[in-house]
PDB file of N, CA and C in Angstrom:
ATOM      1  N   MET A   1     136.391 111.174  96.481  1.00  0.00           N
ATOM      2  CA  MET A   1     136.247 109.916  96.906  1.00  0.00           C
ATOM      3  C   MET A   1     136.802 109.614  98.383  1.00  0.00           C
ATOM      4  N   THR A   2     136.010 108.857  99.149  1.00  0.00           N
ATOM      5  CA  THR A   2     136.470 108.573 100.593  1.00  0.00           C
ATOM      6  C   THR A   2     137.613 107.657 100.734  1.00  0.00           C
ATOM      7  N   ALA A   3     138.514 108.035 101.377  1.00  0.00           N
ATOM      8  CA  ALA A   3     139.748 107.100 101.608  1.00  0.00           C
ATOM      9  C   ALA A   3     139.232 105.792 102.183  1.00  0.00           C
ATOM     10  N   PRO A   4     139.833 104.652 101.904  1.00  0.00           N
ATOM     11  CA  PRO A   4     139.420 103.394 102.285  1.00  0.00           C
ATOM     12  C   PRO A   4     139.316 103.271 103.835  1.00  0.00           C
ATOM     13  N   SER A   5     140.240 103.929 104.505  1.00  0.00           N
ATOM     14  CA  SER A   5     140.241 103.849 106.047  1.00  0.00           C
ATOM     15  C   SER A   5     139.038 104.562 106.571  1.00  0.00           C
ATOM     16  N   ASP A   6     138.463 105.557 105.879  1.00  0.00           N
ATOM     17  CA  ASP A   6     137.385 106.314 106.356  1.00  0.00           C
ATOM     18  C   ASP A   6     135.964 105.514 106.132  1.00  0.00           C
ATOM     19  N   LEU A   7     136.060 104.379 105.400  1.00  0.00           N
ATOM     20  CA  LEU A   7     134.704 103.726 104.933  1.00  0.00           C
ATOM     21  C   LEU A   7     134.356 102.761 106.202  1.00  0.00           C
ATOM     22  N   SER A   8     133.154 102.636 106.237  1.00  0.00           N
ATOM     23  CA  SER A   8     132.682 101.544 107.254  1.00  0.00           C
ATOM     24  C   SER A   8     133.191 100.156 106.896  1.00  0.00           C
ATOM     25  N   PRO A   9     133.316  99.249 107.800  1.00  0.00           N
ATOM     26  CA  PRO A   9     133.817  97.862 107.513  1.00  0.00           C
ATOM     27  C   PRO A   9     132.968  97.255 106.410  1.00  0.00           C
ATOM     28  N   ALA A  10     131.722  97.439 106.344  1.00  0.00           N
ATOM     29  CA  ALA A  10     130.773  96.856 105.202  1.00  0.00           C
ATOM     30  C   ALA A  10     131.222  97.443 103.916  1.00  0.00           C
ATOM     31  N   LEU A  11     131.388  98.742 103.875  1.00  0.00           N
ATOM     32  CA  LEU A  11     131.841  99.304 102.615  1.00  0.00           C
ATOM     33  C   LEU A  11     133.288  98.965 102.136  1.00  0.00           C
ATOM     34  N   ARG A  12     134.069  98.805 102.978  1.00  0.00           N
ATOM     35  CA  ARG A  12     135.436  98.328 102.849  1.00  0.00           C
ATOM     36  C   ARG A  12     135.429  96.905 102.184  1.00  0.00           C
ATOM     37  N   LEU A  13     134.573  96.105 102.813  1.00  0.00           N
ATOM     38  CA  LEU A  13     134.434  94.686 102.239  1.00  0.00           C
ATOM     39  C   LEU A  13     134.050  94.742 100.821  1.00  0.00           C
ATOM     40  N   ILE A  14     132.892  95.584 100.639  1.00  0.00           N
ATOM     41  CA  ILE A  14     132.304  95.611  99.256  1.00  0.00           C
ATOM     42  C   ILE A  14     133.346  96.127  98.227  1.00  0.00           C
ATOM     43  N   GLU A  15     134.061  97.191  98.629  1.00  0.00           N
ATOM     44  CA  GLU A  15     135.125  97.689  97.824  1.00  0.00           C
ATOM     45  C   GLU A  15     136.293  96.803  97.482  1.00  0.00           C
ATOM     46  N   ALA A  16     136.561  95.854  98.444  1.00  0.00           N
ATOM     47  CA  ALA A  16     137.545  94.853  98.177  1.00  0.00           C
ATOM     48  C   ALA A  16     137.118  93.770  97.173  1.00  0.00           C
ATOM     49  N   VAL A  17     135.890  93.607  97.119  1.00  0.00           N
ATOM     50  CA  VAL A  17     135.299  92.590  96.247  1.00  0.00           C
ATOM     51  C   VAL A  17     134.955  92.887  94.814  1.00  0.00           C
ATOM     52  N   VAL A  18     134.350  94.080  94.736  1.00  0.00           N
ATOM     53  CA  VAL A  18     133.910  94.491  93.356  1.00  0.00           C
ATOM     54  C   VAL A  18     135.022  95.219  92.512  1.00  0.00           C
ATOM     55  N   ASP A  19     134.942  95.220  91.266  1.00  0.00           N
ATOM     56  CA  ASP A  19     135.839  95.927  90.455  1.00  0.00           C
ATOM     57  C   ASP A  19     135.926  97.300  90.880  1.00  0.00           C
ATOM     58  N   PRO A  20     137.080  97.926  90.771  1.00  0.00           N
ATOM     59  CA  PRO A  20     137.279  99.295  91.192  1.00  0.00           C
ATOM     60  C   PRO A  20     136.359 100.200  90.438  1.00  0.00           C
ATOM     61  N   GLY A  21     135.689 101.037  91.134  1.00  0.00           N
ATOM     62  CA  GLY A  21     134.837 102.076  90.562  1.00  0.00           C
ATOM     63  C   GLY A  21     133.518 101.566  90.044  1.00  0.00           C
ATOM     64  N   SER A  22     133.159 100.364  90.255  1.00  0.00           N
ATOM     65  CA  SER A  22     132.000  99.771  89.613  1.00  0.00           C
ATOM     66  C   SER A  22     130.639  99.843  90.578  1.00  0.00           C
ATOM     67  N   LEU A  23     131.045 100.153  91.855  1.00  0.00           N
ATOM     68  CA  LEU A  23     129.755 100.016  92.765  1.00  0.00           C
ATOM     69  C   LEU A  23     128.853 101.251  92.553  1.00  0.00           C
ATOM     70  N   ARG A  24     127.503 100.816  92.383  1.00  0.00           N
ATOM     71  CA  ARG A  24     126.454 101.698  92.235  1.00  0.00           C
ATOM     72  C   ARG A  24     125.401 101.519  93.410  1.00  0.00           C
ATOM     73  N   SER A  25     125.180 102.540  94.190  1.00  0.00           N
ATOM     74  CA  SER A  25     124.225 102.267  95.243  1.00  0.00           C
ATOM     75  C   SER A  25     122.810 102.265  94.828  1.00  0.00           C
ATOM     76  N   TRP A  26     121.920 101.447  95.308  1.00  0.00           N
ATOM     77  CA  TRP A  26     120.483 101.476  95.069  1.00  0.00           C
ATOM     78  C   TRP A  26     119.802 102.179  96.281  1.00  0.00           C
ATOM     79  N   ASP A  27     120.519 102.679  97.278  1.00  0.00           N
ATOM     80  CA  ASP A  27     119.841 103.027  98.507  1.00  0.00           C
ATOM     81  C   ASP A  27     119.467 104.562  98.417  1.00  0.00           C
ATOM     82  N   GLU A  28     118.157 104.691  98.765  1.00  0.00           N
ATOM     83  CA  GLU A  28     117.603 106.090  98.910  1.00  0.00           C
ATOM     84  C   GLU A  28     117.860 106.557 100.287  1.00  0.00           C
ATOM     85  N   PRO A  29     118.080 107.941 100.415  1.00  0.00           N
ATOM     86  CA  PRO A  29     118.283 108.488 101.773  1.00  0.00           C
ATOM     87  C   PRO A  29     117.119 108.023 102.789  1.00  0.00           C
ATOM     88  N   VAL A  30     117.515 107.814 103.995  1.00  0.00           N
ATOM     89  CA  VAL A  30     116.503 107.384 105.033  1.00  0.00           C
ATOM     90  C   VAL A  30     116.348 108.543 106.076  1.00  0.00           C
ATOM     91  N   GLU A  31     115.174 108.992 106.264  1.00  0.00           N
ATOM     92  CA  GLU A  31     114.992 109.972 107.302  1.00  0.00           C
ATOM     93  C   GLU A  31     114.743 109.330 108.713  1.00  0.00           C
ATOM     94  N   ILE A  32     115.061 109.952 109.786  1.00  0.00           N
ATOM     95  CA  ILE A  32     114.696 109.429 111.053  1.00  0.00           C
ATOM     96  C   ILE A  32     113.385 109.953 111.324  1.00  0.00           C
ATOM     97  N   ALA A  33     112.350 108.990 111.328  1.00  0.00           N
ATOM     98  CA  ALA A  33     111.074 109.504 111.420  1.00  0.00           C
ATOM     99  C   ALA A  33     110.305 108.626 112.662  1.00  0.00           C
ATOM    100  N   TYR A  34     111.130 108.431 113.675  1.00  0.00           N
ATOM    101  CA  TYR A  34     110.624 107.729 114.835  1.00  0.00           C
ATOM    102  C   TYR A  34     110.328 108.781 116.048  1.00  0.00           C
ATOM    103  N   GLU A  35     109.330 108.595 116.626  1.00  0.00           N
ATOM    104  CA  GLU A  35     108.886 109.498 117.766  1.00  0.00           C
ATOM    105  C   GLU A  35     109.643 109.155 119.099  1.00  0.00           C
ATOM    106  N   ASP A  36     110.029 108.000 119.356  1.00  0.00           N
ATOM    107  CA  ASP A  36     110.781 107.514 120.549  1.00  0.00           C
ATOM    108  C   ASP A  36     112.046 108.249 120.544  1.00  0.00           C
ATOM    109  N   GLY A  37     112.264 109.192 121.335  1.00  0.00           N
ATOM    110  CA  GLY A  37     113.445 110.091 121.492  1.00  0.00           C
ATOM    111  C   GLY A  37     114.766 109.368 121.760  1.00  0.00           C
ATOM    112  N   ARG A  38     114.731 108.285 122.575  1.00  0.00           N
ATOM    113  CA  ARG A  38     115.884 107.453 122.792  1.00  0.00           C
ATOM    114  C   ARG A  38     116.376 106.729 121.674  1.00  0.00           C
ATOM    115  N   TYR A  39     115.297 106.102 120.821  1.00  0.00           N
ATOM    116  CA  TYR A  39     115.744 105.402 119.530  1.00  0.00           C
ATOM    117  C   TYR A  39     116.219 106.371 118.582  1.00  0.00           C
ATOM    118  N   ARG A  40     115.726 107.572 118.444  1.00  0.00           N
ATOM    119  CA  ARG A  40     116.258 108.568 117.552  1.00  0.00           C
ATOM    120  C   ARG A  40     117.631 108.939 117.804  1.00  0.00           C
ATOM    121  N   GLU A  41     117.923 109.060 119.237  1.00  0.00           N
ATOM    122  CA  GLU A  41     119.282 109.447 119.584  1.00  0.00           C
ATOM    123  C   GLU A  41     120.224 108.269 119.155  1.00  0.00           C
ATOM    124  N   ASP A  42     119.849 107.013 119.432  1.00  0.00           N
ATOM    125  CA  ASP A  42     120.575 105.863 119.074  1.00  0.00           C
ATOM    126  C   ASP A  42     120.878 105.806 117.588  1.00  0.00           C
ATOM    127  N   LEU A  43     119.902 106.125 116.684  1.00  0.00           N
ATOM    128  CA  LEU A  43     120.068 106.237 115.262  1.00  0.00           C
ATOM    129  C   LEU A  43     120.958 107.384 114.843  1.00  0.00           C
ATOM    130  N   ALA A  44     120.928 108.539 115.487  1.00  0.00           N
ATOM    131  CA  ALA A  44     121.752 109.551 115.149  1.00  0.00           C
ATOM    132  C   ALA A  44     123.318 109.160 115.571  1.00  0.00           C
ATOM    133  N   ARG A  45     123.483 108.602 116.729  1.00  0.00           N
ATOM    134  CA  ARG A  45     124.874 108.234 117.134  1.00  0.00           C
ATOM    135  C   ARG A  45     125.431 107.052 116.042  1.00  0.00           C
ATOM    136  N   ALA A  46     124.498 106.133 115.569  1.00  0.00           N
ATOM    137  CA  ALA A  46     124.899 105.061 114.725  1.00  0.00           C
ATOM    138  C   ALA A  46     125.348 105.751 113.385  1.00  0.00           C
ATOM    139  N   ARG A  47     124.581 106.680 112.993  1.00  0.00           N
ATOM    140  CA  ARG A  47     124.902 107.488 111.676  1.00  0.00           C
ATOM    141  C   ARG A  47     126.247 108.116 111.745  1.00  0.00           C
ATOM    142  N   GLU A  48     126.398 108.908 112.884  1.00  0.00           N
ATOM    143  CA  GLU A  48     127.776 109.647 112.993  1.00  0.00           C
ATOM    144  C   GLU A  48     128.847 108.602 113.193  1.00  0.00           C
ATOM    145  N   ARG A  49     128.720 107.450 113.894  1.00  0.00           N
ATOM    146  CA  ARG A  49     129.698 106.420 114.030  1.00  0.00           C
ATOM    147  C   ARG A  49     130.164 105.767 112.794  1.00  0.00           C
ATOM    148  N   THR A  50     129.192 105.502 111.841  1.00  0.00           N
ATOM    149  CA  THR A  50     129.310 104.739 110.689  1.00  0.00           C
ATOM    150  C   THR A  50     129.573 105.390 109.431  1.00  0.00           C
ATOM    151  N   GLY A  51     128.922 106.592 109.389  1.00  0.00           N
ATOM    152  CA  GLY A  51     128.851 107.363 108.148  1.00  0.00           C
ATOM    153  C   GLY A  51     127.696 106.795 107.199  1.00  0.00           C
ATOM    154  N   LEU A  52     126.967 106.014 107.729  1.00  0.00           N
ATOM    155  CA  LEU A  52     125.779 105.309 106.906  1.00  0.00           C
ATOM    156  C   LEU A  52     124.480 105.846 107.603  1.00  0.00           C
ATOM    157  N   ASP A  53     123.418 105.787 106.692  1.00  0.00           N
ATOM    158  CA  ASP A  53     122.096 106.252 107.258  1.00  0.00           C
ATOM    159  C   ASP A  53     121.309 104.976 107.663  1.00  0.00           C
ATOM    160  N   GLU A  54     121.730 103.756 107.461  1.00  0.00           N
ATOM    161  CA  GLU A  54     121.071 102.554 107.856  1.00  0.00           C
ATOM    162  C   GLU A  54     122.046 101.416 107.961  1.00  0.00           C
ATOM    163  N   SER A  55     121.532 100.298 108.489  1.00  0.00           N
ATOM    164  CA  SER A  55     122.418  99.155 108.560  1.00  0.00           C
ATOM    165  C   SER A  55     122.613  98.396 107.469  1.00  0.00           C
ATOM    166  N   VAL A  56     121.861  98.489 106.394  1.00  0.00           N
ATOM    167  CA  VAL A  56     121.904  97.674 105.302  1.00  0.00           C
ATOM    168  C   VAL A  56     122.423  98.622 104.071  1.00  0.00           C
ATOM    169  N   ILE A  57     123.352  98.040 103.334  1.00  0.00           N
ATOM    170  CA  ILE A  57     123.860  98.687 102.139  1.00  0.00           C
ATOM    171  C   ILE A  57     123.476  97.795 100.950  1.00  0.00           C
ATOM    172  N   THR A  58     122.865  98.360  99.899  1.00  0.00           N
ATOM    173  CA  THR A  58     122.533  97.607  98.556  1.00  0.00           C
ATOM    174  C   THR A  58     123.056  98.398  97.408  1.00  0.00           C
ATOM    175  N   GLY A  59     123.191  97.550  96.378  1.00  0.00           N
ATOM    176  CA  GLY A  59     123.717  98.180  95.193  1.00  0.00           C
ATOM    177  C   GLY A  59     124.069  97.103  94.144  1.00  0.00           C
ATOM    178  N   GLU A  60     124.758  97.612  93.133  1.00  0.00           N
ATOM    179  CA  GLU A  60     125.310  96.585  92.197  1.00  0.00           C
ATOM    180  C   GLU A  60     126.694  97.052  91.824  1.00  0.00           C
ATOM    181  N   GLY A  61     127.465  96.119  91.393  1.00  0.00           N
ATOM    182  CA  GLY A  61     128.821  96.337  91.038  1.00  0.00           C
ATOM    183  C   GLY A  61     129.183  95.203  89.959  1.00  0.00           C
ATOM    184  N   ARG A  62     130.531  95.304  89.694  1.00  0.00           N
ATOM    185  CA  ARG A  62     131.014  94.178  88.709  1.00  0.00           C
ATOM    186  C   ARG A  62     132.150  93.473  89.490  1.00  0.00           C
ATOM    187  N   VAL A  63     132.176  92.161  89.260  1.00  0.00           N
ATOM    188  CA  VAL A  63     133.244  91.225  89.792  1.00  0.00           C
ATOM    189  C   VAL A  63     133.834  90.641  88.484  1.00  0.00           C
ATOM    190  N   ARG A  64     135.080  90.951  88.295  1.00  0.00           N
ATOM    191  CA  ARG A  64     135.750  90.473  87.054  1.00  0.00           C
ATOM    192  C   ARG A  64     134.851  90.674  85.823  1.00  0.00           C
ATOM    193  N   GLY A  65     134.349  91.991  85.905  1.00  0.00           N
ATOM    194  CA  GLY A  65     133.440  92.383  84.642  1.00  0.00           C
ATOM    195  C   GLY A  65     131.985  91.951  84.619  1.00  0.00           C
ATOM    196  N   ARG A  66     131.734  91.008  85.475  1.00  0.00           N
ATOM    197  CA  ARG A  66     130.253  90.373  85.547  1.00  0.00           C
ATOM    198  C   ARG A  66     129.496  91.217  86.484  1.00  0.00           C
ATOM    199  N   ARG A  67     128.308  91.672  86.153  1.00  0.00           N
ATOM    200  CA  ARG A  67     127.377  92.443  86.952  1.00  0.00           C
ATOM    201  C   ARG A  67     126.783  91.589  88.072  1.00  0.00           C
ATOM    202  N   VAL A  68     127.026  92.202  89.274  1.00  0.00           N
ATOM    203  CA  VAL A  68     126.495  91.369  90.561  1.00  0.00           C
ATOM    204  C   VAL A  68     125.613  92.342  91.390  1.00  0.00           C
ATOM    205  N   ALA A  69     124.780  91.757  92.240  1.00  0.00           N
ATOM    206  CA  ALA A  69     124.012  92.497  93.246  1.00  0.00           C
ATOM    207  C   ALA A  69     124.843  92.452  94.446  1.00  0.00           C
ATOM    208  N   VAL A  70     124.783  93.576  95.202  1.00  0.00           N
ATOM    209  CA  VAL A  70     125.575  93.713  96.380  1.00  0.00           C
ATOM    210  C   VAL A  70     124.542  93.972  97.650  1.00  0.00           C
ATOM    211  N   VAL A  71     124.691  93.226  98.686  1.00  0.00           N
ATOM    212  CA  VAL A  71     123.980  93.467  99.896  1.00  0.00           C
ATOM    213  C   VAL A  71     124.967  93.189 101.033  1.00  0.00           C
ATOM    214  N   ALA A  72     125.114  94.115 101.961  1.00  0.00           N
ATOM    215  CA  ALA A  72     125.877  94.101 103.071  1.00  0.00           C
ATOM    216  C   ALA A  72     125.217  94.686 104.347  1.00  0.00           C
ATOM    217  N   CYS A  73     125.638  94.091 105.409  1.00  0.00           N
ATOM    218  CA  CYS A  73     125.030  94.633 106.754  1.00  0.00           C
ATOM    219  C   CYS A  73     126.111  95.174 107.513  1.00  0.00           C
ATOM    220  N   GLU A  74     126.058  96.431 108.037  1.00  0.00           N
ATOM    221  CA  GLU A  74     127.040  96.933 108.778  1.00  0.00           C
ATOM    222  C   GLU A  74     126.728  96.798 110.262  1.00  0.00           C
ATOM    223  N   PHE A  75     127.575  95.945 111.018  1.00  0.00           N
ATOM    224  CA  PHE A  75     127.199  95.479 112.398  1.00  0.00           C
ATOM    225  C   PHE A  75     127.341  96.801 113.374  1.00  0.00           C
ATOM    226  N   ARG A  76     128.240  97.626 112.920  1.00  0.00           N
ATOM    227  CA  ARG A  76     128.408  98.799 113.794  1.00  0.00           C
ATOM    228  C   ARG A  76     127.178  99.790 113.910  1.00  0.00           C
ATOM    229  N   PHE A  77     126.278  99.554 113.059  1.00  0.00           N
ATOM    230  CA  PHE A  77     125.017 100.386 112.895  1.00  0.00           C
ATOM    231  C   PHE A  77     124.062  99.569 113.759  1.00  0.00           C
ATOM    232  N   LEU A  78     123.911  99.805 115.022  1.00  0.00           N
ATOM    233  CA  LEU A  78     122.986  99.232 116.014  1.00  0.00           C
ATOM    234  C   LEU A  78     122.993  97.706 115.776  1.00  0.00           C
ATOM    235  N   ALA A  79     124.156  97.144 115.664  1.00  0.00           N
ATOM    236  CA  ALA A  79     124.416  95.715 115.686  1.00  0.00           C
ATOM    237  C   ALA A  79     123.798  95.160 114.463  1.00  0.00           C
ATOM    238  N   GLY A  80     123.766  95.828 113.395  1.00  0.00           N
ATOM    239  CA  GLY A  80     123.179  95.371 112.161  1.00  0.00           C
ATOM    240  C   GLY A  80     121.687  94.974 112.267  1.00  0.00           C
ATOM    241  N   SER A  81     120.955  95.651 113.118  1.00  0.00           N
ATOM    242  CA  SER A  81     119.492  95.351 113.346  1.00  0.00           C
ATOM    243  C   SER A  81     118.740  95.706 112.045  1.00  0.00           C
ATOM    244  N   ILE A  82     117.714  94.986 111.774  1.00  0.00           N
ATOM    245  CA  ILE A  82     116.989  95.147 110.700  1.00  0.00           C
ATOM    246  C   ILE A  82     115.572  95.959 110.993  1.00  0.00           C
ATOM    247  N   GLY A  83     115.500  97.134 110.617  1.00  0.00           N
ATOM    248  CA  GLY A  83     114.372  97.892 110.978  1.00  0.00           C
ATOM    249  C   GLY A  83     113.427  98.085 109.707  1.00  0.00           C
ATOM    250  N   VAL A  84     112.516  98.887 109.614  1.00  0.00           N
ATOM    251  CA  VAL A  84     111.604  99.166 108.488  1.00  0.00           C
ATOM    252  C   VAL A  84     112.372  99.522 107.253  1.00  0.00           C
ATOM    253  N   ALA A  85     113.202 100.547 107.360  1.00  0.00           N
ATOM    254  CA  ALA A  85     114.077 101.103 106.391  1.00  0.00           C
ATOM    255  C   ALA A  85     115.178 100.069 105.683  1.00  0.00           C
ATOM    256  N   ALA A  86     115.723  99.238 106.677  1.00  0.00           N
ATOM    257  CA  ALA A  86     116.563  98.326 106.196  1.00  0.00           C
ATOM    258  C   ALA A  86     115.904  97.149 105.457  1.00  0.00           C
ATOM    259  N   GLY A  87     114.632  96.767 105.951  1.00  0.00           N
ATOM    260  CA  GLY A  87     113.966  95.866 105.245  1.00  0.00           C
ATOM    261  C   GLY A  87     113.508  96.256 104.043  1.00  0.00           C
ATOM    262  N   GLU A  88     113.082  97.435 103.794  1.00  0.00           N
ATOM    263  CA  GLU A  88     112.664  97.981 102.497  1.00  0.00           C
ATOM    264  C   GLU A  88     113.918  97.888 101.509  1.00  0.00           C
ATOM    265  N   ARG A  89     115.014  98.166 101.941  1.00  0.00           N
ATOM    266  CA  ARG A  89     116.210  98.129 101.020  1.00  0.00           C
ATOM    267  C   ARG A  89     116.466  96.621 100.568  1.00  0.00           C
ATOM    268  N   LEU A  90     116.107  95.757 101.412  1.00  0.00           N
ATOM    269  CA  LEU A  90     116.439  94.341 101.099  1.00  0.00           C
ATOM    270  C   LEU A  90     115.272  93.809 100.175  1.00  0.00           C
ATOM    271  N   VAL A  91     114.133  94.371 100.310  1.00  0.00           N
ATOM    272  CA  VAL A  91     113.047  93.987  99.307  1.00  0.00           C
ATOM    273  C   VAL A  91     113.335  94.568  97.862  1.00  0.00           C
TER     274      VAL A  91
END
């Protein structure tokens, strides 16, 4: 398991709210499929900086034993911009 200080701020927030060990991600891996070389480089840097593959994190967890949906946006990933992959996660 990743140490809390190694997590992105969005993941740290989620871990602080949900019951320990209850978070289950709904996110499928996202490939960088853009032809624009500069944008591809920006995405690669954002992935390296945050440890995430997209700006949006989705899943489910439990809060005081009650099942809840979890959605968080990581600002450090391209200022939390919502692209196609992030939009699909929200849907």
